[in-house]
Structures are given as structure tokens and as C-alpha cells.
Protein backbone atom coordinates (compact mmCIF):
# COMPACT_ATOMS: atom_id res chain seq x y z
CA ASP A 1 0.00 0.00 0.00
CA ASN A 2 1.47 3.36 -1.05
CA SER A 3 -0.94 5.46 1.04
CA GLU A 4 0.68 8.12 3.17
CA ILE A 5 -0.44 10.23 6.12
CA VAL A 6 -1.03 13.84 5.05
CA GLU A 7 -2.54 15.15 8.30
CA VAL A 8 -2.44 14.15 11.95
CA ALA A 9 -4.36 15.40 14.96
CA VAL A 10 -4.39 14.28 18.57
CA VAL A 11 -7.30 15.60 20.60
CA GLY A 12 -7.92 15.08 24.32
CA LEU A 13 -11.24 13.96 25.78
CA ASP A 14 -11.71 17.57 26.88
CA GLU A 15 -11.60 18.50 23.15
CA GLU A 16 -8.24 20.26 23.53
CA VAL A 17 -6.16 19.88 20.39
CA LEU A 18 -2.91 18.42 21.74
CA TYR A 19 -1.20 18.28 18.35
CA HIS A 20 -2.15 19.00 14.76
CA SER A 21 -0.15 19.22 11.57
CA LEU A 22 -0.40 18.71 7.87
CA ILE A 23 2.30 16.33 6.65
CA ARG A 24 4.27 16.52 3.41
CA PRO A 25 4.19 13.05 1.83
CA ASP A 26 6.94 11.53 -0.32
CA ARG A 27 4.63 11.32 -3.33
CA SER A 28 1.88 13.42 -4.83
CA ILE A 29 -1.50 13.07 -3.11
CA PRO A 30 -3.83 10.95 -5.27
CA ILE A 31 -6.87 12.77 -6.67
CA GLU A 32 -9.13 10.16 -5.02
CA ALA A 33 -7.66 10.97 -1.59
CA THR A 34 -8.01 14.72 -2.13
CA ALA A 35 -11.66 14.11 -3.05
CA VAL A 36 -12.19 12.54 0.39
CA HIS A 37 -10.31 14.96 2.69
CA GLY A 38 -9.73 18.01 0.53
CA ILE A 39 -5.98 18.15 1.20
CA THR A 40 -3.97 19.09 -1.88
CA ASP A 41 -0.28 18.95 -2.79
CA GLU A 42 -0.20 22.75 -2.56
CA MET A 43 -1.52 22.63 1.02
CA VAL A 44 1.28 20.28 2.16
CA ALA A 45 4.10 21.78 0.08
CA ASN A 46 5.70 23.49 3.10
CA ALA A 47 4.43 21.10 5.78
CA PRO A 48 6.81 19.01 7.90
CA THR A 49 7.50 15.39 6.97
CA TRP A 50 6.43 12.37 9.04
CA LEU A 51 10.03 12.14 10.27
CA GLU A 52 9.70 15.67 11.72
CA VAL A 53 6.19 15.15 13.15
CA TRP A 54 6.60 11.70 14.67
CA PRO A 55 8.61 12.71 17.80
CA TYR A 56 5.72 14.96 18.94
CA VAL A 57 3.03 12.39 18.19
CA ARG A 58 5.05 9.59 19.79
CA LEU A 59 5.55 11.62 22.96
CA ILE A 60 1.80 12.15 23.32
CA PHE A 61 1.08 8.46 22.66
CA SER A 62 3.70 7.44 25.22
CA THR A 63 1.77 9.17 28.02
CA ARG A 64 -1.82 8.15 27.25
CA LYS A 65 -4.02 5.54 25.65
CA ALA A 66 -5.18 6.52 22.17
CA LEU A 67 -8.90 6.18 21.48
CA ILE A 68 -9.00 5.88 17.70
CA PHE A 69 -12.22 5.66 15.71
CA ASN A 70 -10.87 3.24 13.08
CA GLU A 71 -7.92 1.89 15.03
CA ALA A 72 -6.85 -0.78 12.51
CA PHE A 73 -6.63 1.73 9.65
CA ASP A 74 -4.90 4.50 11.62
CA LEU A 75 -2.35 2.21 13.28
CA ARG A 76 -1.58 0.56 9.93
CA MET A 77 -0.91 4.03 8.47
CA ILE A 78 1.24 5.10 11.45
CA TYR A 79 3.33 1.91 11.48
CA SER A 80 3.72 2.07 7.69
CA ALA A 81 4.95 5.69 7.90
CA CYS A 82 7.38 4.75 10.66
CA ARG A 83 8.66 1.74 8.70
CA ARG A 84 9.25 3.90 5.60
CA ASN A 85 11.21 6.37 7.73
CA ASN A 86 13.24 3.74 9.61
CA LEU A 87 11.60 4.69 12.91
CA LEU A 88 10.88 1.12 13.98
CA PRO A 89 11.00 -0.58 16.36
CA PHE A 90 9.29 1.42 19.10
CA GLU A 91 6.91 0.51 21.87
CA LYS A 92 3.44 -0.45 20.72
CA ILE A 93 0.90 2.38 20.83
CA GLN A 94 -1.62 1.66 23.57
CA SER A 95 -4.99 2.14 21.93
CA GLU A 96 -8.60 1.08 21.67
CA CYS A 97 -10.94 1.11 18.71
CA VAL A 98 -13.87 3.46 19.24
CA MET A 99 -15.58 2.23 16.05
CA GLU A 100 -15.66 -1.40 17.19
CA ALA A 101 -16.77 -0.46 20.71
CA TYR A 102 -19.49 1.78 19.31
CA ALA A 103 -20.65 -0.87 16.82
CA ARG A 104 -21.07 -3.36 19.70
CA TYR A 105 -22.76 -0.73 21.88
CA SER A 106 -25.22 0.24 19.13
CA ARG A 107 -25.63 -3.37 17.97
CA SER A 108 -24.63 -2.33 14.47
CA TYR A 109 -24.02 -5.67 12.82
CA SER A 110 -21.99 -5.71 9.63
CA SER A 111 -22.94 -8.56 7.31
CA TYR A 112 -19.78 -7.81 5.33
CA HIS A 113 -17.51 -8.21 8.38
CA LYS A 114 -19.84 -10.79 9.99
CA ASP A 115 -19.42 -9.06 13.32
CA PHE A 116 -20.29 -5.93 15.28
CA THR A 117 -17.16 -4.23 14.01
CA TRP A 118 -18.08 -1.60 11.49
CA ILE A 119 -20.00 1.66 11.59
CA SER A 120 -18.90 4.88 9.96
CA LEU A 121 -18.08 7.91 12.08
CA GLU A 122 -20.78 9.77 10.19
CA ASN A 123 -23.43 7.17 11.08
CA ALA A 124 -22.30 7.05 14.71
CA ALA A 125 -22.54 10.86 14.87
CA ILE A 126 -26.01 10.83 13.31
CA SER A 127 -27.19 8.11 15.71
CA GLU A 128 -25.92 10.04 18.72
CA ARG A 129 -27.17 13.39 17.38
CA VAL A 130 -23.66 14.85 17.28
CA SER A 131 -23.50 17.76 14.87
CA THR A 132 -20.75 17.49 12.32
CA ASN A 133 -19.62 18.70 8.96
CA LEU A 134 -17.44 15.57 8.59
CA ALA A 135 -14.96 17.06 6.18
CA HIS A 136 -12.73 14.01 6.83
CA ARG A 137 -10.08 16.26 8.30
CA SER A 138 -8.12 15.12 11.35
CA VAL A 139 -9.19 17.71 13.92
CA GLU A 140 -12.86 17.65 12.94
CA ASP A 141 -13.06 13.85 12.87
CA SER A 142 -11.24 13.65 16.22
CA LEU A 143 -13.65 16.13 17.82
CA VAL A 144 -16.65 14.19 16.50
CA THR A 145 -15.12 10.99 17.91
CA VAL A 146 -14.75 12.64 21.33
CA GLN A 147 -18.37 13.82 21.21
CA VAL A 148 -19.60 10.33 20.32
CA ILE A 149 -17.55 8.87 23.21
CA ARG A 150 -19.03 11.44 25.60
CA LYS A 151 -22.63 10.81 24.47
CA VAL A 152 -22.23 7.07 24.94
CA ALA A 153 -20.54 7.54 28.32
CA ILE A 154 -23.41 9.76 29.50
CA LEU A 155 -26.00 7.25 28.25
CA GLU A 156 -24.15 4.33 29.84
CA GLU A 157 -23.82 6.23 33.12
CA SER A 158 -27.51 7.13 33.19
CA MET A 159 -28.50 3.52 32.32
CA ASN A 160 -26.28 2.18 35.13
CA PHE A 161 -27.71 4.82 37.48
CA ALA A 162 -31.28 3.82 36.54
CA GLU A 163 -30.50 0.10 37.07
CA ASN A 164 -29.62 0.87 40.70
CA PHE A 165 -33.24 1.92 41.30
CA GLU A 166 -35.00 -1.02 39.63
């Protein structure tokens, strides 16, 4: 896979942006990718490379567990970028997949995956009535993920609270 990371954002559960940067890839951004996230070669022309960005991202990941909406995809991209830049080995990123947890929580069964493993961020946001423009940009998607996590946590807490009075 020749896909490269062109933007990274790390957002805390309090919605504070801990780190955000565009990233200059080694190759031109495919038109299909630009159609999804809107990031062009011109936008990343003066951006830092993954090699320059990784120390900041790694430091954040070394001090907290990452809650990643599509963990398998994002970790594959991160490890691939690190491999290409000879940054391996390093300690495994401690993370959990919000998408899989949400799919189980919402009982969103995927006949394709034959499991409760897949639901889009957009559909999760719609189900939880989280407003979003879902531009497929890192900060915006991260903030929507945080809001979905919060909504579910509030619902879970209120359901557990109600169970104590049954």
C-alpha cells in the first residue's frame, strides 16, 4: 500500500487539540484521496515530513491511551509511515478502537464483516445526534469521535444509574 499520512491530529477527551499538523508526503496526493479529505499537494508543500512530526506524536502516545475511531486503519498508516522512515522498532501504541466499541454498543451488525465491528463515524454521529460537517479532516473527525464517546458515556452512566433503582 502506497498510502501516506497527510494530516495528523491528537485531541484530548476535553476537546483540547494536543497536536495538529499537515504532513508533506513523499509522493503526490492521489486525486481520489483529495476528493475525500480536501488536502492538496499545494496545502502540504511546506508542511513538515512524518520524520519531523513523529517525535511529537510519539511523545503524546507514550503518556496516554489513544482512542481511535478506526484503530486498525490509523495504526496501519502510522506503522507504515514509521517503517518507511526507519523509525521502527518502538513501543506499541496503547490504543482502543472506538468504532468497534461503538458498533457493539449500538448493535450495528456488519454482514460484510460478519461481526459488530463496522459503523462509519458519520453514522455514529447521526445516531448520537452529534453535529458534524465531517470534512474528513483530522481535527474535525477527532472532535466528533470525542463527542460520540461522551454521548455514549453519558447514556451508559444514566443507564447504570437507573438500574440501581430497579
